[in-house]
N, C-alpha and C. Protein backbone atom coordinates (compact mmCIF):
# COMPACT_ATOMS: atom_id res chain seq x y z
N MET A 1 106.86 115.82 108.03
CA MET A 1 106.37 117.29 108.44
C MET A 1 107.51 118.25 108.09
N ASP A 2 106.96 119.44 107.64
CA ASP A 2 107.86 120.11 106.93
C ASP A 2 108.03 121.45 107.83
N LYS A 3 108.77 122.36 107.60
CA LYS A 3 109.43 123.45 108.31
C LYS A 3 108.20 124.30 108.93
N THR A 4 107.03 124.33 108.42
CA THR A 4 105.67 125.17 108.37
C THR A 4 104.97 124.10 109.81
N GLY A 5 105.31 122.88 110.14
CA GLY A 5 104.66 121.97 110.82
C GLY A 5 103.39 121.56 110.13
N LYS A 6 103.41 121.38 108.73
CA LYS A 6 102.58 120.63 107.77
C LYS A 6 103.20 119.38 107.53
N TRP A 7 102.25 118.07 107.39
CA TRP A 7 102.49 116.96 106.88
C TRP A 7 102.85 117.22 105.46
N THR A 8 103.85 116.63 105.00
CA THR A 8 104.06 116.52 103.36
C THR A 8 103.63 115.32 102.84
N PHE A 9 103.58 114.22 103.53
CA PHE A 9 103.19 113.03 103.08
C PHE A 9 104.02 112.13 102.02
N GLU A 10 105.28 112.53 102.09
CA GLU A 10 106.36 111.90 101.13
C GLU A 10 106.23 110.47 101.18
N GLY A 11 106.12 109.69 102.25
CA GLY A 11 106.01 108.33 102.07
C GLY A 11 104.68 107.98 101.12
N PHE A 12 103.73 108.77 100.90
CA PHE A 12 102.65 108.68 99.85
C PHE A 12 103.03 109.02 98.71
N SER A 13 104.41 109.42 98.33
CA SER A 13 104.25 109.99 97.11
C SER A 13 103.79 109.18 95.84
N PRO A 14 104.06 107.89 95.72
CA PRO A 14 103.68 107.11 94.44
C PRO A 14 102.16 107.31 94.52
N ARG A 15 101.35 107.21 95.41
CA ARG A 15 99.91 107.26 95.14
C ARG A 15 99.57 109.05 94.91
N LEU A 16 100.30 109.95 95.68
CA LEU A 16 100.06 111.29 95.15
C LEU A 16 100.70 111.61 93.74
N ASP A 17 101.58 111.32 93.40
CA ASP A 17 102.31 111.70 92.23
C ASP A 17 101.46 111.45 90.87
N LYS A 18 100.35 110.32 91.09
CA LYS A 18 99.70 109.93 90.03
C LYS A 18 98.48 110.82 89.79
N LEU A 19 98.12 111.89 90.78
CA LEU A 19 97.12 112.93 90.80
C LEU A 19 97.37 114.10 89.78
N ASP A 20 96.40 114.80 89.46
CA ASP A 20 96.49 116.07 88.74
C ASP A 20 97.10 116.93 90.08
N SER A 21 97.91 117.98 89.84
CA SER A 21 98.65 118.60 90.67
C SER A 21 97.58 119.27 91.52
N ARG A 22 96.27 119.88 90.87
CA ARG A 22 95.43 120.34 91.67
C ARG A 22 94.76 119.49 93.05
N ILE A 23 94.58 118.25 92.65
CA ILE A 23 94.06 117.33 93.50
C ILE A 23 95.04 117.03 94.34
N ARG A 24 96.29 116.79 94.12
CA ARG A 24 97.14 116.62 95.12
C ARG A 24 97.40 117.61 96.10
N GLU A 25 97.39 118.80 95.60
CA GLU A 25 97.39 119.91 96.63
C GLU A 25 96.29 119.83 97.55
N LYS A 26 95.03 119.91 96.92
CA LYS A 26 93.97 119.58 97.79
C LYS A 26 93.75 118.61 98.59
N ALA A 27 94.39 117.34 98.45
CA ALA A 27 94.28 116.14 99.07
C ALA A 27 95.48 116.54 100.29
N ILE A 28 96.64 117.22 100.26
CA ILE A 28 97.43 117.13 101.35
C ILE A 28 96.70 118.50 102.31
N GLU A 29 96.18 119.25 101.68
CA GLU A 29 95.37 120.33 102.40
C GLU A 29 94.18 119.59 103.29
N ILE A 30 93.62 118.90 102.95
CA ILE A 30 92.74 117.93 103.51
C ILE A 30 93.05 117.37 104.71
N ALA A 31 94.00 116.56 104.12
CA ALA A 31 94.66 115.48 104.83
C ALA A 31 95.35 116.07 106.39
N ASN A 32 95.95 117.18 106.06
CA ASN A 32 96.74 118.28 107.13
C ASN A 32 95.48 118.75 107.97
N GLY A 33 94.49 119.06 107.68
CA GLY A 33 93.21 119.43 108.27
C GLY A 33 93.02 118.31 109.22
N LEU A 34 92.73 117.22 108.45
CA LEU A 34 92.39 116.11 109.43
C LEU A 34 93.39 115.70 110.46
N LEU A 35 94.46 115.77 110.32
CA LEU A 35 95.45 115.51 111.23
C LEU A 35 95.22 116.32 112.39
N GLU A 36 95.00 117.64 112.14
CA GLU A 36 95.02 118.78 113.16
C GLU A 36 93.69 118.59 113.87
N THR A 37 92.66 117.93 113.44
CA THR A 37 91.48 118.21 113.94
C THR A 37 90.77 116.57 114.36
N GLU A 38 91.24 115.82 114.06
CA GLU A 38 91.03 114.27 114.32
C GLU A 38 92.13 113.43 114.59
N ASP A 39 91.52 112.51 115.43
CA ASP A 39 92.73 111.47 115.96
C ASP A 39 92.61 110.44 114.89
N ILE A 40 93.44 110.42 114.07
CA ILE A 40 93.42 109.54 112.60
C ILE A 40 95.15 109.50 112.15
N SER A 41 95.32 108.45 111.62
CA SER A 41 96.70 107.94 111.18
C SER A 41 96.91 108.93 109.78
N GLU A 42 98.12 108.96 109.54
CA GLU A 42 98.74 109.49 108.57
C GLU A 42 98.15 108.89 107.22
N ALA A 43 98.06 107.45 107.30
CA ALA A 43 97.59 106.92 105.97
C ALA A 43 96.14 106.86 105.90
N ALA A 44 95.36 107.03 107.04
CA ALA A 44 93.98 107.25 106.86
C ALA A 44 93.62 108.64 106.20
N ALA A 45 94.40 109.84 106.82
CA ALA A 45 94.22 111.02 106.72
C ALA A 45 94.24 111.12 105.26
N ILE A 46 95.50 110.80 104.46
CA ILE A 46 95.93 110.85 103.19
C ILE A 46 94.80 110.13 102.41
N GLU A 47 94.27 108.96 102.63
CA GLU A 47 93.44 108.25 101.91
C GLU A 47 92.03 109.19 101.83
N GLN A 48 91.46 109.56 102.85
CA GLN A 48 90.55 110.46 103.13
C GLN A 48 90.78 111.85 102.27
N GLY A 49 91.95 112.33 102.32
CA GLY A 49 92.15 113.34 101.59
C GLY A 49 92.09 113.31 100.00
N ILE A 50 92.62 112.32 99.47
CA ILE A 50 92.70 112.15 98.06
C ILE A 50 90.99 111.78 97.72
N VAL A 51 90.56 111.12 98.49
CA VAL A 51 88.80 110.98 98.04
C VAL A 51 88.22 112.28 97.71
N ARG A 52 88.41 113.08 99.18
CA ARG A 52 87.44 114.24 99.20
C ARG A 52 88.23 115.30 98.05
N ALA A 53 89.36 115.11 97.86
CA ALA A 53 89.85 116.12 96.77
C ALA A 53 89.60 115.92 95.48
N GLU A 54 89.37 114.46 95.37
CA GLU A 54 88.95 113.89 93.88
C GLU A 54 87.33 114.44 93.47
N GLN A 55 86.52 114.32 94.66
CA GLN A 55 85.42 114.68 94.58
C GLN A 55 85.01 116.11 94.38
N TRP A 56 85.87 116.87 95.02
CA TRP A 56 85.88 118.55 95.17
C TRP A 56 86.31 118.94 93.78
N PHE A 57 87.31 117.97 93.06
CA PHE A 57 87.57 118.55 91.77
C PHE A 57 86.57 118.17 90.58
N TYR A 58 86.11 116.96 90.72
CA TYR A 58 84.84 116.51 90.11
C TYR A 58 83.98 117.58 90.15
N ASP A 59 83.65 117.87 91.16
CA ASP A 59 82.36 118.80 91.42
C ASP A 59 82.86 120.45 90.80
N LEU A 60 83.87 120.91 90.39
CA LEU A 60 84.33 121.85 89.96
C LEU A 60 84.28 121.54 88.31
N GLU A 61 84.37 120.54 87.95
CA GLU A 61 84.36 119.96 86.58
C GLU A 61 82.67 119.99 85.96
N ALA A 62 81.92 119.95 87.19
CA ALA A 62 80.42 119.61 86.56
C ALA A 62 79.65 121.17 86.28
C-alpha cells in the first residue's frame, strides 16, 4: 500500500510489467476498487483487474 492508502501490487510486478502502461494503470485502479468494495484477496483482485483492464483496452480499440 502506498502513502495514499492505495495498493500498488508490487509483488505482482512481473505480471503487471508485461502489460501496456494504460492497461497496467487501469488494472491497478480496478484492483484497488475491488479491494475497497469486496472481500477479496490481493491476488484475486489483481487477476480480475488485469482481465477487466484488458477487456476495457480492447473495447477502446474496437
